[in-house]
PDB file of N, CA and C in Angstrom:
ATOM      1  N   MET A   1     -52.358  21.424 106.041  1.00  0.00           N
ATOM      2  CA  MET A   1     -51.658  20.246 106.528  1.00  0.00           C
ATOM      3  C   MET A   1     -50.486  19.916 105.625  1.00  0.00           C
ATOM      4  N   ALA A   2     -50.580  20.242 104.357  1.00  0.00           N
ATOM      5  CA  ALA A   2     -49.511  19.931 103.410  1.00  0.00           C
ATOM      6  C   ALA A   2     -48.230  20.670 103.774  1.00  0.00           C
ATOM      7  N   SER A   3     -48.360  21.910 104.250  1.00  0.00           N
ATOM      8  CA  SER A   3     -47.154  22.659 104.603  1.00  0.00           C
ATOM      9  C   SER A   3     -46.447  22.016 105.791  1.00  0.00           C
ATOM     10  N   ARG A   4     -47.217  21.458 106.723  1.00  0.00           N
ATOM     11  CA  ARG A   4     -46.598  20.791 107.870  1.00  0.00           C
ATOM     12  C   ARG A   4     -45.867  19.526 107.424  1.00  0.00           C
ATOM     13  N   ALA A   5     -46.481  18.773 106.541  1.00  0.00           N
ATOM     14  CA  ALA A   5     -45.842  17.558 106.032  1.00  0.00           C
ATOM     15  C   ALA A   5     -44.551  17.898 105.311  1.00  0.00           C
ATOM     16  N   THR A   6     -44.563  18.980 104.571  1.00  0.00           N
ATOM     17  CA  THR A   6     -43.363  19.395 103.853  1.00  0.00           C
ATOM     18  C   THR A   6     -42.263  19.788 104.839  1.00  0.00           C
ATOM     19  N   ALA A   7     -42.635  20.471 105.913  1.00  0.00           N
ATOM     20  CA  ALA A   7     -41.646  20.898 106.898  1.00  0.00           C
ATOM     21  C   ALA A   7     -41.011  19.694 107.590  1.00  0.00           C
ATOM     22  N   LEU A   8     -41.758  18.619 107.722  1.00  0.00           N
ATOM     23  CA  LEU A   8     -41.236  17.438 108.394  1.00  0.00           C
ATOM     24  C   LEU A   8     -40.538  16.482 107.439  1.00  0.00           C
ATOM     25  N   ASP A   9     -40.638  16.741 106.154  1.00  0.00           N
ATOM     26  CA  ASP A   9     -40.036  15.879 105.146  1.00  0.00           C
ATOM     27  C   ASP A   9     -38.517  15.949 105.254  1.00  0.00           C
ATOM     28  N   PRO A  10     -37.818  14.821 105.467  1.00  0.00           N
ATOM     29  CA  PRO A  10     -36.359  14.845 105.616  1.00  0.00           C
ATOM     30  C   PRO A  10     -35.638  15.340 104.371  1.00  0.00           C
ATOM     31  N   LYS A  11     -36.245  15.197 103.203  1.00  0.00           N
ATOM     32  CA  LYS A  11     -35.596  15.657 101.977  1.00  0.00           C
ATOM     33  C   LYS A  11     -35.527  17.175 101.922  1.00  0.00           C
ATOM     34  N   SER A  12     -36.482  17.841 102.557  1.00  0.00           N
ATOM     35  CA  SER A  12     -36.486  19.297 102.526  1.00  0.00           C
ATOM     36  C   SER A  12     -35.772  19.898 103.728  1.00  0.00           C
ATOM     37  N   ALA A  13     -35.206  19.064 104.579  1.00  0.00           N
ATOM     38  CA  ALA A  13     -34.570  19.551 105.806  1.00  0.00           C
ATOM     39  C   ALA A  13     -33.183  20.129 105.565  1.00  0.00           C
ATOM     40  N   GLY A  14     -32.618  19.979 104.403  1.00  0.00           N
ATOM     41  CA  GLY A  14     -31.288  20.503 104.127  1.00  0.00           C
ATOM     42  C   GLY A  14     -30.272  19.388 104.102  1.00  0.00           C
ATOM     43  N   THR A  15     -28.999  19.756 103.989  1.00  0.00           N
ATOM     44  CA  THR A  15     -27.949  18.758 103.840  1.00  0.00           C
ATOM     45  C   THR A  15     -27.028  18.682 105.049  1.00  0.00           C
ATOM     46  N   LYS A  16     -27.391  19.353 106.134  1.00  0.00           N
ATOM     47  CA  LYS A  16     -26.536  19.321 107.319  1.00  0.00           C
ATOM     48  C   LYS A  16     -26.551  17.932 107.937  1.00  0.00           C
ATOM     49  N   GLU A  17     -25.411  17.543 108.475  1.00  0.00           N
ATOM     50  CA  GLU A  17     -25.305  16.271 109.171  1.00  0.00           C
ATOM     51  C   GLU A  17     -26.009  16.389 110.523  1.00  0.00           C
ATOM     52  N   PRO A  18     -26.620  15.314 110.996  1.00  0.00           N
ATOM     53  CA  PRO A  18     -27.243  15.378 112.317  1.00  0.00           C
ATOM     54  C   PRO A  18     -26.193  15.568 113.405  1.00  0.00           C
ATOM     55  N   LYS A  19     -26.578  16.290 114.431  1.00  0.00           N
ATOM     56  CA  LYS A  19     -25.668  16.513 115.556  1.00  0.00           C
ATOM     57  C   LYS A  19     -25.527  15.231 116.356  1.00  0.00           C
ATOM     58  N   SER A  20     -24.390  15.093 117.002  1.00  0.00           N
ATOM     59  CA  SER A  20     -24.155  13.956 117.875  1.00  0.00           C
ATOM     60  C   SER A  20     -25.104  14.037 119.061  1.00  0.00           C
ATOM     61  N   SER A  21     -25.535  12.889 119.556  1.00  0.00           N
ATOM     62  CA  SER A  21     -26.411  12.887 120.723  1.00  0.00           C
ATOM     63  C   SER A  21     -25.632  13.201 121.993  1.00  0.00           C
ATOM     64  N   ILE A  22     -24.319  13.103 121.932  1.00  0.00           N
ATOM     65  CA  ILE A  22     -23.484  13.432 123.088  1.00  0.00           C
ATOM     66  C   ILE A  22     -23.091  14.899 122.983  1.00  0.00           C
ATOM     67  N   GLN A  23     -23.549  15.672 123.918  1.00  0.00           N
ATOM     68  CA  GLN A  23     -23.305  17.103 123.915  1.00  0.00           C
ATOM     69  C   GLN A  23     -22.141  17.439 124.843  1.00  0.00           C
ATOM     70  N   PRO A  24     -21.407  18.513 124.543  1.00  0.00           N
ATOM     71  CA  PRO A  24     -20.362  18.943 125.460  1.00  0.00           C
ATOM     72  C   PRO A  24     -20.981  19.259 126.823  1.00  0.00           C
ATOM     73  N   GLY A  25     -20.302  18.853 127.852  1.00  0.00           N
ATOM     74  CA  GLY A  25     -20.797  19.117 129.199  1.00  0.00           C
ATOM     75  C   GLY A  25     -21.870  18.136 129.644  1.00  0.00           C
ATOM     76  N   ALA A  26     -22.028  17.023 128.926  1.00  0.00           N
ATOM     77  CA  ALA A  26     -23.069  16.052 129.279  1.00  0.00           C
ATOM     78  C   ALA A  26     -22.861  15.510 130.684  1.00  0.00           C
ATOM     79  N   ALA A  27     -21.609  15.298 131.067  1.00  0.00           N
ATOM     80  CA  ALA A  27     -21.332  14.782 132.413  1.00  0.00           C
ATOM     81  C   ALA A  27     -21.787  15.775 133.474  1.00  0.00           C
ATOM     82  N   GLU A  28     -21.549  17.068 133.231  1.00  0.00           N
ATOM     83  CA  GLU A  28     -21.984  18.076 134.189  1.00  0.00           C
ATOM     84  C   GLU A  28     -23.497  18.101 134.279  1.00  0.00           C
ATOM     85  N   ASN A  29     -24.187  17.983 133.132  1.00  0.00           N
ATOM     86  CA  ASN A  29     -25.644  17.994 133.137  1.00  0.00           C
ATOM     87  C   ASN A  29     -26.182  16.788 133.886  1.00  0.00           C
ATOM     88  N   SER A  30     -25.549  15.639 133.700  1.00  0.00           N
ATOM     89  CA  SER A  30     -25.957  14.433 134.398  1.00  0.00           C
ATOM     90  C   SER A  30     -25.769  14.610 135.898  1.00  0.00           C
ATOM     91  N   THR A  31     -24.634  15.161 136.281  1.00  0.00           N
ATOM     92  CA  THR A  31     -24.357  15.396 137.696  1.00  0.00           C
ATOM     93  C   THR A  31     -25.361  16.384 138.270  1.00  0.00           C
ATOM     94  N   GLU A  32     -25.666  17.440 137.525  1.00  0.00           N
ATOM     95  CA  GLU A  32     -26.651  18.420 137.993  1.00  0.00           C
ATOM     96  C   GLU A  32     -28.005  17.777 138.191  1.00  0.00           C
ATOM     97  N   ALA A  33     -28.374  16.883 137.289  1.00  0.00           N
ATOM     98  CA  ALA A  33     -29.657  16.192 137.403  1.00  0.00           C
ATOM     99  C   ALA A  33     -29.667  15.308 138.650  1.00  0.00           C
ATOM    100  N   GLN A  34     -28.548  14.639 138.916  1.00  0.00           N
ATOM    101  CA  GLN A  34     -28.457  13.799 140.119  1.00  0.00           C
ATOM    102  C   GLN A  34     -28.561  14.651 141.379  1.00  0.00           C
ATOM    103  N   ILE A  35     -27.878  15.781 141.383  1.00  0.00           N
ATOM    104  CA  ILE A  35     -27.933  16.681 142.533  1.00  0.00           C
ATOM    105  C   ILE A  35     -29.358  17.165 142.737  1.00  0.00           C
ATOM    106  N   ALA A  36     -30.001  17.561 141.652  1.00  0.00           N
ATOM    107  CA  ALA A  36     -31.369  18.068 141.745  1.00  0.00           C
ATOM    108  C   ALA A  36     -32.321  17.014 142.300  1.00  0.00           C
ATOM    109  N   MET A  37     -32.185  15.786 141.826  1.00  0.00           N
ATOM    110  CA  MET A  37     -33.066  14.716 142.315  1.00  0.00           C
ATOM    111  C   MET A  37     -32.832  14.443 143.795  1.00  0.00           C
ATOM    112  N   LEU A  38     -31.573  14.384 144.201  1.00  0.00           N
ATOM    113  CA  LEU A  38     -31.269  14.132 145.606  1.00  0.00           C
ATOM    114  C   LEU A  38     -31.692  15.314 146.470  1.00  0.00           C
ATOM    115  N   ALA A  39     -31.465  16.530 146.004  1.00  0.00           N
ATOM    116  CA  ALA A  39     -31.864  17.716 146.763  1.00  0.00           C
ATOM    117  C   ALA A  39     -33.377  17.726 146.975  1.00  0.00           C
ATOM    118  N   TYR A  40     -34.117  17.348 145.950  1.00  0.00           N
ATOM    119  CA  TYR A  40     -35.579  17.278 146.069  1.00  0.00           C
ATOM    120  C   TYR A  40     -35.980  16.233 147.110  1.00  0.00           C
ATOM    121  N   GLN A  41     -35.316  15.092 147.069  1.00  0.00           N
ATOM    122  CA  GLN A  41     -35.592  14.024 148.041  1.00  0.00           C
ATOM    123  C   GLN A  41     -35.284  14.502 149.460  1.00  0.00           C
ATOM    124  N   LEU A  42     -34.157  15.182 149.633  1.00  0.00           N
ATOM    125  CA  LEU A  42     -33.781  15.700 150.951  1.00  0.00           C
ATOM    126  C   LEU A  42     -34.794  16.727 151.441  1.00  0.00           C
ATOM    127  N   TRP A  43     -35.258  17.577 150.522  1.00  0.00           N
ATOM    128  CA  TRP A  43     -36.261  18.594 150.861  1.00  0.00           C
ATOM    129  C   TRP A  43     -37.550  17.929 151.326  1.00  0.00           C
ATOM    130  N   GLN A  44     -37.955  16.869 150.614  1.00  0.00           N
ATOM    131  CA  GLN A  44     -39.167  16.149 151.016  1.00  0.00           C
ATOM    132  C   GLN A  44     -38.994  15.505 152.387  1.00  0.00           C
ATOM    133  N   GLU A  45     -37.815  14.938 152.628  1.00  0.00           N
ATOM    134  CA  GLU A  45     -37.545  14.304 153.926  1.00  0.00           C
ATOM    135  C   GLU A  45     -37.590  15.310 155.070  1.00  0.00           C
ATOM    136  N   ARG A  46     -37.283  16.576 154.743  1.00  0.00           N
ATOM    137  CA  ARG A  46     -37.328  17.627 155.770  1.00  0.00           C
ATOM    138  C   ARG A  46     -38.738  18.192 155.942  1.00  0.00           C
ATOM    139  N   GLY A  47     -39.698  17.629 155.222  1.00  0.00           N
ATOM    140  CA  GLY A  47     -41.079  18.084 155.372  1.00  0.00           C
ATOM    141  C   GLY A  47     -41.474  19.200 154.423  1.00  0.00           C
ATOM    142  N   CYS A  48     -40.733  19.404 153.365  1.00  0.00           N
ATOM    143  CA  CYS A  48     -41.027  20.407 152.331  1.00  0.00           C
ATOM    144  C   CYS A  48     -41.133  21.828 152.894  1.00  0.00           C
ATOM    145  N   PRO A  49     -40.148  22.262 153.680  1.00  0.00           N
ATOM    146  CA  PRO A  49     -40.223  23.609 154.247  1.00  0.00           C
ATOM    147  C   PRO A  49     -40.048  24.684 153.168  1.00  0.00           C
ATOM    148  N   ILE A  50     -40.583  25.847 153.439  1.00  0.00           N
ATOM    149  CA  ILE A  50     -40.444  26.979 152.523  1.00  0.00           C
ATOM    150  C   ILE A  50     -39.098  27.646 152.793  1.00  0.00           C
ATOM    151  N   GLY A  51     -38.401  28.026 151.721  1.00  0.00           N
ATOM    152  CA  GLY A  51     -37.127  28.726 151.847  1.00  0.00           C
ATOM    153  C   GLY A  51     -35.931  27.805 151.941  1.00  0.00           C
ATOM    154  N   SER A  52     -34.772  28.360 151.824  1.00  0.00           N
ATOM    155  CA  SER A  52     -33.461  27.699 151.869  1.00  0.00           C
ATOM    156  C   SER A  52     -33.292  26.482 150.973  1.00  0.00           C
ATOM    157  N   PRO A  53     -33.563  26.582 149.690  1.00  0.00           N
ATOM    158  CA  PRO A  53     -33.303  25.445 148.804  1.00  0.00           C
ATOM    159  C   PRO A  53     -31.809  25.159 148.690  1.00  0.00           C
ATOM    160  N   GLU A  54     -30.994  26.183 148.980  1.00  0.00           N
ATOM    161  CA  GLU A  54     -29.542  26.007 148.909  1.00  0.00           C
ATOM    162  C   GLU A  54     -29.064  24.948 149.895  1.00  0.00           C
ATOM    163  N   GLU A  55     -29.728  24.869 151.041  1.00  0.00           N
ATOM    164  CA  GLU A  55     -29.346  23.892 152.063  1.00  0.00           C
ATOM    165  C   GLU A  55     -29.415  22.475 151.501  1.00  0.00           C
ATOM    166  N   ASP A  56     -30.505  22.156 150.822  1.00  0.00           N
ATOM    167  CA  ASP A  56     -30.667  20.812 150.256  1.00  0.00           C
ATOM    168  C   ASP A  56     -29.724  20.585 149.081  1.00  0.00           C
ATOM    169  N   TRP A  57     -29.539  21.613 148.264  1.00  0.00           N
ATOM    170  CA  TRP A  57     -28.645  21.501 147.106  1.00  0.00           C
ATOM    171  C   TRP A  57     -27.211  21.223 147.563  1.00  0.00           C
ATOM    172  N   LEU A  58     -26.739  21.998 148.532  1.00  0.00           N
ATOM    173  CA  LEU A  58     -25.362  21.829 149.012  1.00  0.00           C
ATOM    174  C   LEU A  58     -25.171  20.486 149.712  1.00  0.00           C
ATOM    175  N   ARG A  59     -26.183  20.064 150.443  1.00  0.00           N
ATOM    176  CA  ARG A  59     -26.099  18.753 151.105  1.00  0.00           C
ATOM    177  C   ARG A  59     -26.073  17.641 150.054  1.00  0.00           C
ATOM    178  N   ALA A  60     -26.882  17.764 149.014  1.00  0.00           N
ATOM    179  CA  ALA A  60     -26.910  16.758 147.946  1.00  0.00           C
ATOM    180  C   ALA A  60     -25.564  16.705 147.229  1.00  0.00           C
ATOM    181  N   GLU A  61     -24.992  17.873 146.921  1.00  0.00           N
ATOM    182  CA  GLU A  61     -23.665  17.919 146.289  1.00  0.00           C
ATOM    183  C   GLU A  61     -22.640  17.190 147.145  1.00  0.00           C
ATOM    184  N   SER A  62     -22.653  17.485 148.437  1.00  0.00           N
ATOM    185  CA  SER A  62     -21.701  16.889 149.357  1.00  0.00           C
ATOM    186  C   SER A  62     -21.874  15.375 149.430  1.00  0.00           C
ATOM    187  N   GLU A  63     -23.111  14.912 149.524  1.00  0.00           N
ATOM    188  CA  GLU A  63     -23.355  13.475 149.608  1.00  0.00           C
ATOM    189  C   GLU A  63     -22.927  12.750 148.347  1.00  0.00           C
ATOM    190  N   LEU A  64     -23.240  13.319 147.191  1.00  0.00           N
ATOM    191  CA  LEU A  64     -22.842  12.675 145.933  1.00  0.00           C
ATOM    192  C   LEU A  64     -21.323  12.666 145.760  1.00  0.00           C
ATOM    193  N   LYS A  65     -20.675  13.739 146.206  1.00  0.00           N
ATOM    194  CA  LYS A  65     -19.219  13.814 146.121  1.00  0.00           C
ATOM    195  C   LYS A  65     -18.580  12.742 147.001  1.00  0.00           C
ATOM    196  N   SER A  66     -19.108  12.577 148.204  1.00  0.00           N
ATOM    197  CA  SER A  66     -18.529  11.571 149.108  1.00  0.00           C
ATOM    198  C   SER A  66     -18.795  10.142 148.605  1.00  0.00           C
ATOM    199  N   ARG A  67     -19.904   9.936 147.923  1.00  0.00           N
ATOM    200  CA  ARG A  67     -20.207   8.617 147.364  1.00  0.00           C
ATOM    201  C   ARG A  67     -19.253   8.245 146.227  1.00  0.00           C
ATOM    202  N   SER A  68     -18.813   9.241 145.474  1.00  0.00           N
ATOM    203  CA  SER A  68     -17.970   8.978 144.322  1.00  0.00           C
ATOM    204  C   SER A  68     -16.492   8.808 144.667  1.00  0.00           C
ATOM    205  N   GLN A  69     -16.131   9.071 145.899  1.00  0.00           N
ATOM    206  CA  GLN A  69     -14.707   8.965 146.288  1.00  0.00           C
ATOM    207  C   GLN A  69     -14.375   7.590 146.775  1.00  0.00           C
TER     208      GLN A  69
END
């Protein structure tokens, strides 16, 4: 257990500065997450059919794009 405590000790973690919580491409990741959530909702509304996930993804992209304009 001592080795685990040492690994978690901030003094032994080195001298690197912490990374920013804002990552490059964060807006794209957020948009992708929104598309994924809406696509899942659309898929459920269609009765959860097997196949063609692209149909729901493309419809979700289109709906979100029209909402933002």
